[in-house]
Amino acid sequence: MARLIAMLGVLLALASPVMAADSASLNRQQQFGDLIIHYNAFASGLLQPGIAKDNGLIRSKGQGVINITAIKDGKTVAASVDGSVADLTGRKKALSFRPISENSSVNYIAQFDVEPDTQATYVFTINVKAGDGERHTLSFNQQIFSDE
């Protein structure tokens, strides 16, 4: 899990210039009171094979990954996460999130179909219920390069 978190951090750093063009927060987070939701989406081919295998993720030019983390008081907290992803033609698909836990840290991961060997913008709508018991919704667009 620590390797997954480290890899996600590296991917976030490498993708920062690309993400600046998207309608998402540059630091890939949104704050709701004392609850901070971190998010990132990317092509699954960017994952190292061992990390993907260890976490049950499919590495493919036709798959993307979205990672959601809820943080309160500097620590990750358990959450209920659901949402959807749509392409720019409006084709929408529900996301099925599952927790990935290690030690006292928990992330919520979902995979989604992407068009292979292209770059495309996807529209995400994510609902998170954590900590305060309220449902928080965040929406963002992100460009995914699926040629990796």
N, C-alpha and C. Protein backbone atom coordinates (compact mmCIF):
# COMPACT_ATOMS: atom_id res chain seq x y z
N MET A 1 0.83 -1.19 0.00
CA MET A 1 0.00 0.00 0.00
C MET A 1 0.87 1.25 0.00
N ALA A 2 1.94 1.21 0.78
CA ALA A 2 2.85 2.35 0.83
C ALA A 2 3.43 2.61 -0.57
N ARG A 3 3.71 1.52 -1.30
CA ARG A 3 4.22 1.69 -2.67
C ARG A 3 3.17 2.32 -3.56
N LEU A 4 1.89 1.93 -3.38
CA LEU A 4 0.81 2.52 -4.17
C LEU A 4 0.70 4.01 -3.89
N ILE A 5 0.74 4.38 -2.63
CA ILE A 5 0.65 5.80 -2.27
C ILE A 5 1.84 6.56 -2.83
N ALA A 6 3.04 5.97 -2.72
CA ALA A 6 4.23 6.63 -3.27
C ALA A 6 4.12 6.78 -4.78
N MET A 7 3.65 5.73 -5.46
CA MET A 7 3.50 5.77 -6.91
C MET A 7 2.47 6.82 -7.31
N LEU A 8 1.36 6.89 -6.57
CA LEU A 8 0.34 7.89 -6.87
C LEU A 8 0.90 9.30 -6.70
N GLY A 9 1.76 9.48 -5.69
CA GLY A 9 2.40 10.77 -5.48
C GLY A 9 3.31 11.14 -6.64
N VAL A 10 4.09 10.17 -7.12
CA VAL A 10 4.97 10.41 -8.26
C VAL A 10 4.15 10.75 -9.50
N LEU A 11 3.07 9.98 -9.72
CA LEU A 11 2.22 10.24 -10.88
C LEU A 11 1.60 11.63 -10.80
N LEU A 12 1.20 12.03 -9.62
CA LEU A 12 0.62 13.36 -9.43
C LEU A 12 1.65 14.43 -9.79
N ALA A 13 2.89 14.25 -9.34
CA ALA A 13 3.94 15.23 -9.64
C ALA A 13 4.23 15.28 -11.14
N LEU A 14 4.29 14.13 -11.78
CA LEU A 14 4.58 14.09 -13.21
C LEU A 14 3.45 14.67 -14.04
N ALA A 15 2.23 14.53 -13.57
CA ALA A 15 1.07 14.98 -14.34
C ALA A 15 0.67 16.41 -14.04
N SER A 16 1.32 17.06 -13.11
CA SER A 16 0.93 18.42 -12.70
C SER A 16 0.80 19.40 -13.86
N PRO A 17 1.75 19.46 -14.81
CA PRO A 17 1.58 20.42 -15.91
C PRO A 17 0.34 20.13 -16.75
N VAL A 18 0.05 18.87 -16.96
CA VAL A 18 -1.13 18.48 -17.73
C VAL A 18 -2.39 18.85 -16.98
N MET A 19 -2.40 18.61 -15.69
CA MET A 19 -3.59 18.85 -14.89
C MET A 19 -3.93 20.32 -14.78
N ALA A 20 -2.96 21.20 -14.99
CA ALA A 20 -3.24 22.62 -14.90
C ALA A 20 -4.28 23.05 -15.92
N ALA A 21 -4.37 22.34 -17.02
CA ALA A 21 -5.33 22.68 -18.06
C ALA A 21 -6.73 22.18 -17.74
N ASP A 22 -6.85 21.31 -16.76
CA ASP A 22 -8.14 20.75 -16.40
C ASP A 22 -8.86 21.66 -15.42
N SER A 23 -10.17 21.47 -15.32
CA SER A 23 -10.93 22.30 -14.39
C SER A 23 -10.98 21.62 -13.03
N ALA A 24 -9.84 21.38 -12.48
CA ALA A 24 -9.73 20.78 -11.16
C ALA A 24 -8.71 21.60 -10.38
N SER A 25 -8.80 21.50 -9.09
CA SER A 25 -7.86 22.19 -8.22
C SER A 25 -6.45 21.73 -8.54
N LEU A 26 -5.51 22.66 -8.61
CA LEU A 26 -4.12 22.28 -8.90
C LEU A 26 -3.57 21.29 -7.89
N ASN A 27 -3.97 21.42 -6.64
CA ASN A 27 -3.44 20.50 -5.63
C ASN A 27 -4.32 19.28 -5.48
N ARG A 28 -5.32 19.12 -6.36
CA ARG A 28 -6.17 17.93 -6.43
C ARG A 28 -6.85 17.64 -5.10
N GLN A 29 -7.40 18.66 -4.49
CA GLN A 29 -8.14 18.46 -3.25
C GLN A 29 -9.24 19.50 -3.13
N GLN A 30 -10.25 19.15 -2.34
CA GLN A 30 -11.32 20.09 -2.05
C GLN A 30 -11.64 19.97 -0.57
N GLN A 31 -11.85 21.11 0.07
CA GLN A 31 -12.09 21.12 1.51
C GLN A 31 -13.57 21.40 1.80
N PHE A 32 -14.11 20.61 2.73
CA PHE A 32 -15.47 20.77 3.22
C PHE A 32 -15.37 20.88 4.74
N GLY A 33 -15.32 22.10 5.26
CA GLY A 33 -15.11 22.27 6.70
C GLY A 33 -13.74 21.73 7.07
N ASP A 34 -13.72 20.79 8.04
CA ASP A 34 -12.43 20.20 8.44
C ASP A 34 -12.12 18.89 7.72
N LEU A 35 -12.93 18.57 6.72
CA LEU A 35 -12.72 17.37 5.91
C LEU A 35 -12.10 17.78 4.58
N ILE A 36 -10.96 17.15 4.23
CA ILE A 36 -10.28 17.42 2.97
C ILE A 36 -10.37 16.16 2.12
N ILE A 37 -10.84 16.32 0.89
CA ILE A 37 -10.93 15.20 -0.05
C ILE A 37 -9.84 15.38 -1.10
N HIS A 38 -8.92 14.41 -1.16
CA HIS A 38 -7.89 14.39 -2.20
C HIS A 38 -8.38 13.47 -3.31
N TYR A 39 -8.08 13.83 -4.57
CA TYR A 39 -8.53 13.02 -5.69
C TYR A 39 -7.51 13.08 -6.81
N ASN A 40 -7.48 12.01 -7.59
CA ASN A 40 -6.62 11.95 -8.76
C ASN A 40 -7.12 10.85 -9.68
N ALA A 41 -7.07 11.08 -10.97
CA ALA A 41 -7.44 10.07 -11.97
C ALA A 41 -6.32 10.01 -13.00
N PHE A 42 -6.05 8.81 -13.49
CA PHE A 42 -4.95 8.62 -14.44
C PHE A 42 -5.13 7.31 -15.18
N ALA A 43 -4.37 7.13 -16.25
CA ALA A 43 -4.39 5.88 -17.01
C ALA A 43 -3.73 4.78 -16.19
N SER A 44 -4.35 3.62 -16.14
CA SER A 44 -3.83 2.53 -15.31
C SER A 44 -2.49 2.00 -15.81
N GLY A 45 -2.16 2.23 -17.07
CA GLY A 45 -0.87 1.80 -17.60
C GLY A 45 0.31 2.48 -16.93
N LEU A 46 0.07 3.58 -16.21
CA LEU A 46 1.14 4.27 -15.50
C LEU A 46 1.56 3.55 -14.22
N LEU A 47 0.71 2.64 -13.74
CA LEU A 47 1.05 1.89 -12.52
C LEU A 47 2.14 0.87 -12.81
N GLN A 48 3.02 0.68 -11.86
CA GLN A 48 3.99 -0.40 -11.96
C GLN A 48 3.25 -1.73 -11.88
N PRO A 49 3.66 -2.74 -12.64
CA PRO A 49 2.94 -4.02 -12.65
C PRO A 49 2.73 -4.63 -11.26
N GLY A 50 3.74 -4.57 -10.41
CA GLY A 50 3.63 -5.15 -9.07
C GLY A 50 2.61 -4.43 -8.20
N ILE A 51 2.58 -3.12 -8.31
CA ILE A 51 1.62 -2.33 -7.54
C ILE A 51 0.20 -2.63 -8.00
N ALA A 52 0.01 -2.70 -9.31
CA ALA A 52 -1.31 -3.03 -9.84
C ALA A 52 -1.75 -4.41 -9.36
N LYS A 53 -0.87 -5.38 -9.47
CA LYS A 53 -1.20 -6.75 -9.07
C LYS A 53 -1.52 -6.82 -7.58
N ASP A 54 -0.69 -6.21 -6.75
CA ASP A 54 -0.88 -6.25 -5.30
C ASP A 54 -2.21 -5.64 -4.87
N ASN A 55 -2.74 -4.71 -5.68
CA ASN A 55 -3.96 -4.02 -5.31
C ASN A 55 -5.16 -4.39 -6.18
N GLY A 56 -5.00 -5.45 -6.97
CA GLY A 56 -6.11 -5.95 -7.78
C GLY A 56 -6.57 -4.98 -8.86
N LEU A 57 -5.63 -4.23 -9.42
CA LEU A 57 -5.96 -3.26 -10.46
C LEU A 57 -5.51 -3.79 -11.82
N ILE A 58 -6.26 -3.46 -12.84
CA ILE A 58 -5.95 -3.89 -14.21
C ILE A 58 -5.11 -2.81 -14.88
N ARG A 59 -3.93 -3.19 -15.37
CA ARG A 59 -3.09 -2.28 -16.16
C ARG A 59 -3.48 -2.48 -17.61
N SER A 60 -3.97 -1.42 -18.24
CA SER A 60 -4.42 -1.54 -19.62
C SER A 60 -4.57 -0.15 -20.23
N LYS A 61 -4.35 -0.06 -21.54
CA LYS A 61 -4.59 1.20 -22.23
C LYS A 61 -6.07 1.56 -22.24
N GLY A 62 -6.92 0.60 -21.92
CA GLY A 62 -8.36 0.82 -21.93
C GLY A 62 -8.95 1.04 -20.54
N GLN A 63 -8.09 1.24 -19.53
CA GLN A 63 -8.57 1.42 -18.16
C GLN A 63 -7.94 2.64 -17.50
N GLY A 64 -8.75 3.37 -16.76
CA GLY A 64 -8.29 4.47 -15.94
C GLY A 64 -8.50 4.11 -14.48
N VAL A 65 -7.87 4.86 -13.60
CA VAL A 65 -8.00 4.66 -12.16
C VAL A 65 -8.31 6.01 -11.52
N ILE A 66 -9.23 6.02 -10.57
CA ILE A 66 -9.46 7.20 -9.77
C ILE A 66 -9.23 6.83 -8.32
N ASN A 67 -8.53 7.70 -7.61
CA ASN A 67 -8.17 7.50 -6.21
C ASN A 67 -8.77 8.65 -5.40
N ILE A 68 -9.50 8.31 -4.35
CA ILE A 68 -10.11 9.29 -3.45
C ILE A 68 -9.63 9.01 -2.03
N THR A 69 -9.22 10.06 -1.33
CA THR A 69 -8.80 9.94 0.05
C THR A 69 -9.48 11.03 0.87
N ALA A 70 -10.11 10.64 1.97
CA ALA A 70 -10.74 11.60 2.89
C ALA A 70 -9.81 11.79 4.08
N ILE A 71 -9.52 13.04 4.42
CA ILE A 71 -8.59 13.35 5.51
C ILE A 71 -9.24 14.31 6.49
N LYS A 72 -9.13 13.97 7.76
CA LYS A 72 -9.63 14.85 8.83
C LYS A 72 -8.59 14.86 9.93
N ASP A 73 -8.25 16.04 10.38
CA ASP A 73 -7.23 16.19 11.43
C ASP A 73 -5.91 15.52 11.04
N GLY A 74 -5.56 15.59 9.77
CA GLY A 74 -4.29 15.06 9.30
C GLY A 74 -4.23 13.56 9.13
N LYS A 75 -5.36 12.86 9.30
CA LYS A 75 -5.38 11.40 9.17
C LYS A 75 -6.48 10.99 8.21
N THR A 76 -6.23 9.90 7.46
CA THR A 76 -7.28 9.41 6.58
C THR A 76 -8.42 8.86 7.44
N VAL A 77 -9.65 9.00 6.94
CA VAL A 77 -10.82 8.51 7.66
C VAL A 77 -11.63 7.63 6.73
N ALA A 78 -12.36 6.70 7.33
CA ALA A 78 -13.25 5.83 6.56
C ALA A 78 -14.34 6.67 5.94
N ALA A 79 -14.77 6.26 4.76
CA ALA A 79 -15.79 7.03 4.04
C ALA A 79 -16.64 6.10 3.19
N SER A 80 -17.76 6.61 2.80
CA SER A 80 -18.60 5.97 1.80
C SER A 80 -18.42 6.80 0.54
N VAL A 81 -17.95 6.17 -0.54
CA VAL A 81 -17.62 6.91 -1.76
C VAL A 81 -18.36 6.28 -2.94
N ASP A 82 -19.03 7.12 -3.72
CA ASP A 82 -19.63 6.68 -4.97
C ASP A 82 -19.52 7.83 -5.96
N GLY A 83 -19.87 7.55 -7.18
CA GLY A 83 -19.79 8.61 -8.17
C GLY A 83 -19.95 8.09 -9.57
N SER A 84 -19.65 8.97 -10.52
CA SER A 84 -19.77 8.60 -11.93
C SER A 84 -18.68 9.30 -12.73
N VAL A 85 -18.46 8.76 -13.92
CA VAL A 85 -17.53 9.34 -14.87
C VAL A 85 -18.25 9.42 -16.21
N ALA A 86 -18.03 10.51 -16.93
CA ALA A 86 -18.63 10.67 -18.25
C ALA A 86 -17.58 11.19 -19.22
N ASP A 87 -17.71 10.80 -20.48
CA ASP A 87 -16.84 11.40 -21.49
C ASP A 87 -17.53 12.67 -21.99
N LEU A 88 -16.90 13.38 -22.88
CA LEU A 88 -17.45 14.66 -23.33
C LEU A 88 -18.66 14.51 -24.26
N THR A 89 -18.95 13.27 -24.68
CA THR A 89 -20.17 13.05 -25.47
C THR A 89 -21.37 12.83 -24.55
N GLY A 90 -21.10 12.74 -23.24
CA GLY A 90 -22.19 12.56 -22.28
C GLY A 90 -22.41 11.13 -21.85
N ARG A 91 -21.65 10.18 -22.41
CA ARG A 91 -21.79 8.78 -21.98
C ARG A 91 -21.31 8.69 -20.54
N LYS A 92 -22.20 8.26 -19.65
CA LYS A 92 -21.94 8.27 -18.22
C LYS A 92 -21.94 6.84 -17.68
N LYS A 93 -21.04 6.60 -16.73
CA LYS A 93 -20.96 5.26 -16.12
C LYS A 93 -20.71 5.42 -14.63
N ALA A 94 -21.40 4.61 -13.85
CA ALA A 94 -21.21 4.62 -12.39
C ALA A 94 -19.83 4.07 -12.06
N LEU A 95 -19.24 4.62 -11.02
CA LEU A 95 -17.94 4.14 -10.52
C LEU A 95 -18.19 3.27 -9.29
N SER A 96 -17.47 2.17 -9.21
CA SER A 96 -17.59 1.27 -8.06
C SER A 96 -16.29 1.36 -7.25
N PHE A 97 -16.33 2.09 -6.16
CA PHE A 97 -15.15 2.29 -5.33
C PHE A 97 -14.98 1.16 -4.33
N ARG A 98 -13.73 0.85 -4.05
CA ARG A 98 -13.42 -0.12 -3.00
C ARG A 98 -12.27 0.43 -2.17
N PRO A 99 -12.29 0.12 -0.88
CA PRO A 99 -11.20 0.63 -0.03
C PRO A 99 -9.93 -0.19 -0.22
N ILE A 100 -8.83 0.50 -0.14
CA ILE A 100 -7.51 -0.14 -0.07
C ILE A 100 -6.88 0.40 1.20
N SER A 101 -6.65 -0.49 2.16
CA SER A 101 -6.15 -0.08 3.47
C SER A 101 -4.79 -0.66 3.76
N GLU A 102 -4.00 0.13 4.44
CA GLU A 102 -2.73 -0.36 4.97
C GLU A 102 -2.44 0.44 6.23
N ASN A 103 -2.13 -0.28 7.29
CA ASN A 103 -1.92 0.35 8.60
C ASN A 103 -3.14 1.17 8.95
N SER A 104 -3.00 2.44 9.18
CA SER A 104 -4.15 3.26 9.55
C SER A 104 -4.59 4.16 8.40
N SER A 105 -4.15 3.86 7.18
CA SER A 105 -4.47 4.68 6.02
C SER A 105 -5.46 3.95 5.12
N VAL A 106 -6.43 4.70 4.57
CA VAL A 106 -7.39 4.10 3.65
C VAL A 106 -7.60 5.03 2.45
N ASN A 107 -7.56 4.43 1.26
CA ASN A 107 -7.85 5.13 0.00
C ASN A 107 -9.00 4.39 -0.66
N TYR A 108 -9.73 5.08 -1.51
CA TYR A 108 -10.84 4.47 -2.24
C TYR A 108 -10.52 4.54 -3.72
N ILE A 109 -10.51 3.37 -4.36
CA ILE A 109 -10.06 3.23 -5.73
C ILE A 109 -11.19 2.68 -6.59
N ALA A 110 -11.32 3.22 -7.79
CA ALA A 110 -12.24 2.67 -8.78
C ALA A 110 -11.55 2.68 -10.13
N GLN A 111 -11.90 1.73 -10.97
CA GLN A 111 -11.40 1.73 -12.34
C GLN A 111 -12.54 2.04 -13.29
N PHE A 112 -12.19 2.60 -14.44
CA PHE A 112 -13.19 2.97 -15.42
C PHE A 112 -12.61 2.81 -16.82
N ASP A 113 -13.49 2.62 -17.79
CA ASP A 113 -13.06 2.46 -19.18
C ASP A 113 -12.61 3.79 -19.76
N VAL A 114 -11.52 3.73 -20.52
CA VAL A 114 -11.06 4.89 -21.30
C VAL A 114 -10.84 4.42 -22.74
N GLU A 115 -10.84 5.35 -23.64
CA GLU A 115 -10.58 5.03 -25.05
C GLU A 115 -9.08 4.79 -25.21
N PRO A 116 -8.68 3.58 -25.63
CA PRO A 116 -7.24 3.28 -25.76
C PRO A 116 -6.52 4.18 -26.77
N ASP A 117 -5.26 4.42 -26.48
CA ASP A 117 -4.36 5.15 -27.39
C ASP A 117 -4.86 6.55 -27.76
N THR A 118 -5.46 7.22 -26.81
CA THR A 118 -5.94 8.58 -27.06
C THR A 118 -5.69 9.44 -25.83
N GLN A 119 -5.99 10.72 -25.99
CA GLN A 119 -6.09 11.59 -24.85
C GLN A 119 -7.52 12.11 -24.87
N ALA A 120 -8.19 12.05 -23.75
CA ALA A 120 -9.58 12.48 -23.70
C ALA A 120 -9.85 13.10 -22.34
N THR A 121 -10.83 13.98 -22.31
CA THR A 121 -11.24 14.61 -21.05
C THR A 121 -12.44 13.87 -20.51
N TYR A 122 -12.40 13.59 -19.23
CA TYR A 122 -13.48 12.89 -18.54
C TYR A 122 -14.02 13.80 -17.44
N VAL A 123 -15.32 13.69 -17.21
CA VAL A 123 -16.00 14.50 -16.21
C VAL A 123 -16.37 13.58 -15.05
N PHE A 124 -15.87 13.91 -13.86
CA PHE A 124 -16.10 13.10 -12.67
C PHE A 124 -17.04 13.83 -11.72
N THR A 125 -17.97 13.09 -11.15
CA THR A 125 -18.82 13.57 -10.07
C THR A 125 -18.70 12.55 -8.96
N ILE A 126 -18.17 12.98 -7.82
CA ILE A 126 -17.86 12.08 -6.72
C ILE A 126 -18.61 12.52 -5.47
N ASN A 127 -19.21 11.56 -4.78
CA ASN A 127 -19.91 11.81 -3.51
C ASN A 127 -19.15 11.11 -2.39
N VAL A 128 -18.85 11.86 -1.35
CA VAL A 128 -18.10 11.32 -0.22
C VAL A 128 -18.87 11.63 1.06
N LYS A 129 -19.08 10.59 1.85
CA LYS A 129 -19.72 10.75 3.16
C LYS A 129 -18.72 10.20 4.18
N ALA A 130 -18.16 11.10 4.99
CA ALA A 130 -17.12 10.70 5.95
C ALA A 130 -17.15 11.62 7.15
N GLY A 131 -16.53 11.17 8.20
CA GLY A 131 -16.29 12.02 9.37
C GLY A 131 -17.52 12.71 9.91
N ASP A 132 -17.95 13.79 9.26
CA ASP A 132 -19.05 14.60 9.76
C ASP A 132 -20.42 14.02 9.42
N GLY A 133 -20.46 12.93 8.65
CA GLY A 133 -21.72 12.29 8.30
C GLY A 133 -22.47 12.95 7.17
N GLU A 134 -22.01 14.10 6.71
CA GLU A 134 -22.66 14.79 5.60
C GLU A 134 -22.13 14.26 4.27
N ARG A 135 -22.99 14.33 3.26
CA ARG A 135 -22.59 13.93 1.92
C ARG A 135 -22.01 15.16 1.21
N HIS A 136 -20.78 15.02 0.73
CA HIS A 136 -20.10 16.10 0.02
C HIS A 136 -19.90 15.67 -1.42
N THR A 137 -20.20 16.57 -2.34
CA THR A 137 -20.07 16.26 -3.77
C THR A 137 -19.01 17.16 -4.38
N LEU A 138 -18.12 16.54 -5.14
CA LEU A 138 -17.14 17.32 -5.89
C LEU A 138 -17.20 16.88 -7.33
N SER A 139 -16.98 17.82 -8.21
CA SER A 139 -16.98 17.55 -9.65
C SER A 139 -15.72 18.16 -10.25
N PHE A 140 -15.14 17.44 -11.19
CA PHE A 140 -13.96 17.96 -11.88
C PHE A 140 -13.80 17.27 -13.22
N ASN A 141 -13.11 17.93 -14.12
CA ASN A 141 -12.74 17.37 -15.42
C ASN A 141 -11.27 17.01 -15.35
N GLN A 142 -10.92 15.92 -16.00
CA GLN A 142 -9.50 15.58 -16.05
C GLN A 142 -9.19 14.91 -17.37
N GLN A 143 -8.08 15.33 -17.96
CA GLN A 143 -7.62 14.73 -19.20
C GLN A 143 -6.82 13.48 -18.86
N ILE A 144 -7.14 12.39 -19.55
CA ILE A 144 -6.44 11.11 -19.35
C ILE A 144 -5.73 10.76 -20.65
N PHE A 145 -4.43 10.48 -20.55
CA PHE A 145 -3.64 10.04 -21.70
C PHE A 145 -3.50 8.53 -21.60
N SER A 146 -4.21 7.81 -22.45
CA SER A 146 -4.27 6.34 -22.32
C SER A 146 -3.30 5.61 -23.23
N ASP A 147 -2.27 6.28 -23.67
CA ASP A 147 -1.31 5.60 -24.56
C ASP A 147 -0.14 5.00 -23.79
N GLU A 148 -0.23 5.00 -22.48
CA GLU A 148 0.85 4.43 -21.65
C GLU A 148 0.60 2.96 -21.42
